[in-house]
Amino acid sequence: MSATVHRDEATPHMHLIFLPVVHTVDKKGNPIDKLVCSEFRKAKDSYRQLQDAFYKYMVENGFHL
């Protein structure tokens, strides 16, 4: 995971590199976490949903975006 803030434009912005972790179950029914990009990008607007959820989380935890 990597995050870099860029101030090279009128509005500062962040470039974020991450690995999607999906909470699921294995073949025996045990809960597991795994890296699966195909599961993460199922919805057409997956990235919009991610940005909205990230914004909400950050604001709820005291950051002013």
PDB file of N, CA and C in Angstrom:
ATOM      1  N   MET A   1       0.844  -1.164   0.000  1.00  0.00           N
ATOM      2  CA  MET A   1       0.000   0.000   0.000  1.00  0.00           C
ATOM      3  C   MET A   1       0.888   1.224   0.000  1.00  0.00           C
ATOM      4  N   SER A   2       0.429   2.220  -0.734  1.00  0.00           N
ATOM      5  CA  SER A   2       1.181   3.456  -0.844  1.00  0.00           C
ATOM      6  C   SER A   2       0.207   4.621  -0.979  1.00  0.00           C
ATOM      7  N   ALA A   3       0.544   5.746  -0.388  1.00  0.00           N
ATOM      8  CA  ALA A   3      -0.267   6.958  -0.534  1.00  0.00           C
ATOM      9  C   ALA A   3       0.679   8.147  -0.663  1.00  0.00           C
ATOM     10  N   THR A   4       0.440   8.967  -1.676  1.00  0.00           N
ATOM     11  CA  THR A   4       1.268  10.142  -1.908  1.00  0.00           C
ATOM     12  C   THR A   4       0.365  11.336  -2.186  1.00  0.00           C
ATOM     13  N   VAL A   5       0.570  12.422  -1.449  1.00  0.00           N
ATOM     14  CA  VAL A   5      -0.197  13.642  -1.682  1.00  0.00           C
ATOM     15  C   VAL A   5       0.554  14.490  -2.696  1.00  0.00           C
ATOM     16  N   HIS A   6      -0.167  14.938  -3.716  1.00  0.00           N
ATOM     17  CA  HIS A   6       0.412  15.792  -4.756  1.00  0.00           C
ATOM     18  C   HIS A   6      -0.156  17.196  -4.616  1.00  0.00           C
ATOM     19  N   ARG A   7       0.713  18.185  -4.641  1.00  0.00           N
ATOM     20  CA  ARG A   7       0.287  19.584  -4.563  1.00  0.00           C
ATOM     21  C   ARG A   7       0.692  20.319  -5.837  1.00  0.00           C
ATOM     22  N   ASP A   8       0.728  19.593  -6.933  1.00  0.00           N
ATOM     23  CA  ASP A   8       1.199  20.166  -8.186  1.00  0.00           C
ATOM     24  C   ASP A   8       0.089  20.775  -9.030  1.00  0.00           C
ATOM     25  N   GLU A   9      -1.139  20.780  -8.519  1.00  0.00           N
ATOM     26  CA  GLU A   9      -2.271  21.358  -9.222  1.00  0.00           C
ATOM     27  C   GLU A   9      -3.004  22.294  -8.262  1.00  0.00           C
ATOM     28  N   ALA A  10      -4.046  22.918  -8.724  1.00  0.00           N
ATOM     29  CA  ALA A  10      -4.783  23.871  -7.889  1.00  0.00           C
ATOM     30  C   ALA A  10      -5.340  23.214  -6.627  1.00  0.00           C
ATOM     31  N   THR A  11      -5.755  21.961  -6.751  1.00  0.00           N
ATOM     32  CA  THR A  11      -6.312  21.236  -5.612  1.00  0.00           C
ATOM     33  C   THR A  11      -5.386  20.080  -5.244  1.00  0.00           C
ATOM     34  N   PRO A  12      -4.895  20.049  -3.995  1.00  0.00           N
ATOM     35  CA  PRO A  12      -4.083  18.892  -3.593  1.00  0.00           C
ATOM     36  C   PRO A  12      -4.904  17.608  -3.736  1.00  0.00           C
ATOM     37  N   HIS A  13      -4.242  16.541  -4.121  1.00  0.00           N
ATOM     38  CA  HIS A  13      -4.920  15.265  -4.290  1.00  0.00           C
ATOM     39  C   HIS A  13      -3.979  14.129  -3.915  1.00  0.00           C
ATOM     40  N   MET A  14      -4.560  12.955  -3.712  1.00  0.00           N
ATOM     41  CA  MET A  14      -3.779  11.811  -3.265  1.00  0.00           C
ATOM     42  C   MET A  14      -3.821  10.705  -4.308  1.00  0.00           C
ATOM     43  N   HIS A  15      -2.667  10.112  -4.549  1.00  0.00           N
ATOM     44  CA  HIS A  15      -2.587   8.895  -5.359  1.00  0.00           C
ATOM     45  C   HIS A  15      -2.454   7.752  -4.364  1.00  0.00           C
ATOM     46  N   LEU A  16      -3.339   6.791  -4.469  1.00  0.00           N
ATOM     47  CA  LEU A  16      -3.402   5.691  -3.519  1.00  0.00           C
ATOM     48  C   LEU A  16      -3.251   4.369  -4.254  1.00  0.00           C
ATOM     49  N   ILE A  17      -2.333   3.539  -3.795  1.00  0.00           N
ATOM     50  CA  ILE A  17      -2.155   2.195  -4.331  1.00  0.00           C
ATOM     51  C   ILE A  17      -2.486   1.228  -3.197  1.00  0.00           C
ATOM     52  N   PHE A  18      -3.363   0.284  -3.468  1.00  0.00           N
ATOM     53  CA  PHE A  18      -3.806  -0.618  -2.410  1.00  0.00           C
ATOM     54  C   PHE A  18      -4.053  -2.013  -2.965  1.00  0.00           C
ATOM     55  N   LEU A  19      -4.195  -2.953  -2.054  1.00  0.00           N
ATOM     56  CA  LEU A  19      -4.545  -4.330  -2.398  1.00  0.00           C
ATOM     57  C   LEU A  19      -5.911  -4.618  -1.795  1.00  0.00           C
ATOM     58  N   PRO A  20      -6.895  -4.967  -2.618  1.00  0.00           N
ATOM     59  CA  PRO A  20      -8.233  -5.211  -2.089  1.00  0.00           C
ATOM     60  C   PRO A  20      -8.304  -6.529  -1.302  1.00  0.00           C
ATOM     61  N   VAL A  21      -8.811  -6.438  -0.089  1.00  0.00           N
ATOM     62  CA  VAL A  21      -9.009  -7.616   0.755  1.00  0.00           C
ATOM     63  C   VAL A  21     -10.506  -7.894   0.797  1.00  0.00           C
ATOM     64  N   VAL A  22     -10.885  -9.106   0.440  1.00  0.00           N
ATOM     65  CA  VAL A  22     -12.281  -9.520   0.427  1.00  0.00           C
ATOM     66  C   VAL A  22     -12.516 -10.460   1.603  1.00  0.00           C
ATOM     67  N   HIS A  23     -13.564 -10.185   2.366  1.00  0.00           N
ATOM     68  CA  HIS A  23     -13.950 -11.056   3.482  1.00  0.00           C
ATOM     69  C   HIS A  23     -14.909 -12.099   2.913  1.00  0.00           C
ATOM     70  N   THR A  24     -14.525 -13.359   2.994  1.00  0.00           N
ATOM     71  CA  THR A  24     -15.333 -14.430   2.391  1.00  0.00           C
ATOM     72  C   THR A  24     -15.159 -15.704   3.210  1.00  0.00           C
ATOM     73  N   VAL A  25     -15.549 -16.828   2.663  1.00  0.00           N
ATOM     74  CA  VAL A  25     -15.373 -18.120   3.335  1.00  0.00           C
ATOM     75  C   VAL A  25     -14.638 -19.065   2.395  1.00  0.00           C
ATOM     76  N   ASP A  26     -13.892 -20.003   2.981  1.00  0.00           N
ATOM     77  CA  ASP A  26     -13.191 -20.989   2.159  1.00  0.00           C
ATOM     78  C   ASP A  26     -14.146 -22.146   1.831  1.00  0.00           C
ATOM     79  N   LYS A  27     -13.629 -23.174   1.174  1.00  0.00           N
ATOM     80  CA  LYS A  27     -14.462 -24.305   0.749  1.00  0.00           C
ATOM     81  C   LYS A  27     -15.083 -25.065   1.912  1.00  0.00           C
ATOM     82  N   LYS A  28     -14.484 -24.947   3.099  1.00  0.00           N
ATOM     83  CA  LYS A  28     -15.011 -25.637   4.280  1.00  0.00           C
ATOM     84  C   LYS A  28     -15.953 -24.744   5.085  1.00  0.00           C
ATOM     85  N   GLY A  29     -16.167 -23.502   4.612  1.00  0.00           N
ATOM     86  CA  GLY A  29     -17.071 -22.590   5.310  1.00  0.00           C
ATOM     87  C   GLY A  29     -16.411 -21.727   6.362  1.00  0.00           C
ATOM     88  N   ASN A  30     -15.080 -21.799   6.452  1.00  0.00           N
ATOM     89  CA  ASN A  30     -14.357 -20.986   7.432  1.00  0.00           C
ATOM     90  C   ASN A  30     -14.200 -19.558   6.917  1.00  0.00           C
ATOM     91  N   PRO A  31     -14.412 -18.548   7.786  1.00  0.00           N
ATOM     92  CA  PRO A  31     -14.226 -17.169   7.342  1.00  0.00           C
ATOM     93  C   PRO A  31     -12.750 -16.885   7.053  1.00  0.00           C
ATOM     94  N   ILE A  32     -12.483 -16.231   5.925  1.00  0.00           N
ATOM     95  CA  ILE A  32     -11.112 -15.885   5.550  1.00  0.00           C
ATOM     96  C   ILE A  32     -11.090 -14.496   4.904  1.00  0.00           C
ATOM     97  N   ASP A  33      -9.922 -13.913   4.877  1.00  0.00           N
ATOM     98  CA  ASP A  33      -9.666 -12.682   4.145  1.00  0.00           C
ATOM     99  C   ASP A  33      -8.695 -13.047   3.034  1.00  0.00           C
ATOM    100  N   LYS A  34      -8.961 -12.560   1.816  1.00  0.00           N
ATOM    101  CA  LYS A  34      -8.044 -12.863   0.720  1.00  0.00           C
ATOM    102  C   LYS A  34      -7.991 -11.688  -0.251  1.00  0.00           C
ATOM    103  N   LEU A  35      -6.931 -11.661  -1.031  1.00  0.00           N
ATOM    104  CA  LEU A  35      -6.755 -10.641  -2.048  1.00  0.00           C
ATOM    105  C   LEU A  35      -7.400 -11.124  -3.342  1.00  0.00           C
ATOM    106  N   VAL A  36      -8.431 -10.419  -3.790  1.00  0.00           N
ATOM    107  CA  VAL A  36      -9.115 -10.826  -5.002  1.00  0.00           C
ATOM    108  C   VAL A  36      -9.634  -9.575  -5.711  1.00  0.00           C
ATOM    109  N   CYS A  37      -8.933  -9.155  -6.712  1.00  0.00           N
ATOM    110  CA  CYS A  37      -9.339  -7.958  -7.440  1.00  0.00           C
ATOM    111  C   CYS A  37     -10.653  -8.177  -8.184  1.00  0.00           C
ATOM    112  N   SER A  38     -10.861  -9.360  -8.735  1.00  0.00           N
ATOM    113  CA  SER A  38     -12.086  -9.596  -9.503  1.00  0.00           C
ATOM    114  C   SER A  38     -13.328  -9.482  -8.622  1.00  0.00           C
ATOM    115  N   GLU A  39     -13.239  -9.884  -7.375  1.00  0.00           N
ATOM    116  CA  GLU A  39     -14.359  -9.748  -6.447  1.00  0.00           C
ATOM    117  C   GLU A  39     -14.586  -8.288  -6.100  1.00  0.00           C
ATOM    118  N   PHE A  40     -13.516  -7.534  -5.990  1.00  0.00           N
ATOM    119  CA  PHE A  40     -13.602  -6.133  -5.600  1.00  0.00           C
ATOM    120  C   PHE A  40     -14.259  -5.292  -6.687  1.00  0.00           C
ATOM    121  N   ARG A  41     -14.007  -5.579  -7.939  1.00  0.00           N
ATOM    122  CA  ARG A  41     -14.471  -4.753  -9.046  1.00  0.00           C
ATOM    123  C   ARG A  41     -15.734  -5.292  -9.704  1.00  0.00           C
ATOM    124  N   LYS A  42     -16.606  -5.917  -8.964  1.00  0.00           N
ATOM    125  CA  LYS A  42     -17.820  -6.475  -9.548  1.00  0.00           C
ATOM    126  C   LYS A  42     -18.775  -5.396 -10.054  1.00  0.00           C
ATOM    127  N   ALA A  43     -18.948  -4.345  -9.290  1.00  0.00           N
ATOM    128  CA  ALA A  43     -19.885  -3.286  -9.677  1.00  0.00           C
ATOM    129  C   ALA A  43     -19.226  -2.310 -10.643  1.00  0.00           C
ATOM    130  N   LYS A  44     -20.040  -1.774 -11.543  1.00  0.00           N
ATOM    131  CA  LYS A  44     -19.531  -0.822 -12.531  1.00  0.00           C
ATOM    132  C   LYS A  44     -18.961   0.416 -11.846  1.00  0.00           C
ATOM    133  N   ASP A  45     -19.542   0.802 -10.717  1.00  0.00           N
ATOM    134  CA  ASP A  45     -19.101   2.001 -10.003  1.00  0.00           C
ATOM    135  C   ASP A  45     -18.305   1.673  -8.739  1.00  0.00           C
ATOM    136  N   SER A  46     -17.536   0.592  -8.767  1.00  0.00           N
ATOM    137  CA  SER A  46     -16.767   0.151  -7.595  1.00  0.00           C
ATOM    138  C   SER A  46     -15.846   1.235  -7.057  1.00  0.00           C
ATOM    139  N   TYR A  47     -15.170   1.932  -7.962  1.00  0.00           N
ATOM    140  CA  TYR A  47     -14.228   2.953  -7.499  1.00  0.00           C
ATOM    141  C   TYR A  47     -14.952   4.151  -6.896  1.00  0.00           C
ATOM    142  N   ARG A  48     -16.111   4.496  -7.420  1.00  0.00           N
ATOM    143  CA  ARG A  48     -16.892   5.591  -6.829  1.00  0.00           C
ATOM    144  C   ARG A  48     -17.325   5.192  -5.417  1.00  0.00           C
ATOM    145  N   GLN A  49     -17.781   3.958  -5.268  1.00  0.00           N
ATOM    146  CA  GLN A  49     -18.189   3.478  -3.949  1.00  0.00           C
ATOM    147  C   GLN A  49     -17.005   3.493  -2.984  1.00  0.00           C
ATOM    148  N   LEU A  50     -15.839   3.090  -3.460  1.00  0.00           N
ATOM    149  CA  LEU A  50     -14.638   3.101  -2.621  1.00  0.00           C
ATOM    150  C   LEU A  50     -14.287   4.520  -2.188  1.00  0.00           C
ATOM    151  N   GLN A  51     -14.326   5.469  -3.121  1.00  0.00           N
ATOM    152  CA  GLN A  51     -14.006   6.855  -2.784  1.00  0.00           C
ATOM    153  C   GLN A  51     -14.996   7.419  -1.777  1.00  0.00           C
ATOM    154  N   ASP A  52     -16.274   7.123  -1.960  1.00  0.00           N
ATOM    155  CA  ASP A  52     -17.283   7.606  -1.020  1.00  0.00           C
ATOM    156  C   ASP A  52     -17.075   7.002   0.363  1.00  0.00           C
ATOM    157  N   ALA A  53     -16.813   5.711   0.433  1.00  0.00           N
ATOM    158  CA  ALA A  53     -16.596   5.038   1.720  1.00  0.00           C
ATOM    159  C   ALA A  53     -15.324   5.549   2.393  1.00  0.00           C
ATOM    160  N   PHE A  54     -14.270   5.784   1.616  1.00  0.00           N
ATOM    161  CA  PHE A  54     -13.014   6.315   2.165  1.00  0.00           C
ATOM    162  C   PHE A  54     -13.241   7.706   2.751  1.00  0.00           C
ATOM    163  N   TYR A  55     -13.936   8.569   2.006  1.00  0.00           N
ATOM    164  CA  TYR A  55     -14.223   9.921   2.474  1.00  0.00           C
ATOM    165  C   TYR A  55     -15.003   9.875   3.788  1.00  0.00           C
ATOM    166  N   LYS A  56     -16.062   9.063   3.824  1.00  0.00           N
ATOM    167  CA  LYS A  56     -16.892   8.955   5.022  1.00  0.00           C
ATOM    168  C   LYS A  56     -16.057   8.480   6.215  1.00  0.00           C
ATOM    169  N   TYR A  57     -15.238   7.463   6.003  1.00  0.00           N
ATOM    170  CA  TYR A  57     -14.393   6.932   7.080  1.00  0.00           C
ATOM    171  C   TYR A  57     -13.439   8.003   7.612  1.00  0.00           C
ATOM    172  N   MET A  58     -12.791   8.724   6.711  1.00  0.00           N
ATOM    173  CA  MET A  58     -11.813   9.738   7.128  1.00  0.00           C
ATOM    174  C   MET A  58     -12.485  10.865   7.908  1.00  0.00           C
ATOM    175  N   VAL A  59     -13.630  11.350   7.430  1.00  0.00           N
ATOM    176  CA  VAL A  59     -14.339  12.429   8.116  1.00  0.00           C
ATOM    177  C   VAL A  59     -14.823  11.963   9.490  1.00  0.00           C
ATOM    178  N   GLU A  60     -15.348  10.735   9.557  1.00  0.00           N
ATOM    179  CA  GLU A  60     -15.823  10.195  10.840  1.00  0.00           C
ATOM    180  C   GLU A  60     -14.689  10.013  11.838  1.00  0.00           C
ATOM    181  N   ASN A  61     -13.456   9.940  11.360  1.00  0.00           N
ATOM    182  CA  ASN A  61     -12.304   9.746  12.238  1.00  0.00           C
ATOM    183  C   ASN A  61     -11.491  11.026  12.425  1.00  0.00           C
ATOM    184  N   GLY A  62     -12.130  12.179  12.214  1.00  0.00           N
ATOM    185  CA  GLY A  62     -11.535  13.451  12.570  1.00  0.00           C
ATOM    186  C   GLY A  62     -10.703  14.147  11.503  1.00  0.00           C
ATOM    187  N   PHE A  63     -10.654  13.623  10.298  1.00  0.00           N
ATOM    188  CA  PHE A  63      -9.898  14.282   9.241  1.00  0.00           C
ATOM    189  C   PHE A  63     -10.831  15.206   8.464  1.00  0.00           C
ATOM    190  N   HIS A  64     -10.331  16.350   8.079  1.00  0.00           N
ATOM    191  CA  HIS A  64     -11.118  17.326   7.327  1.00  0.00           C
ATOM    192  C   HIS A  64     -10.656  17.298   5.881  1.00  0.00           C
ATOM    193  N   LEU A  65     -11.459  16.722   5.022  1.00  0.00           N
ATOM    194  CA  LEU A  65     -11.105  16.618   3.602  1.00  0.00           C
ATOM    195  C   LEU A  65     -11.852  17.673   2.801  1.00  0.00           C
TER     196      LEU A  65
END
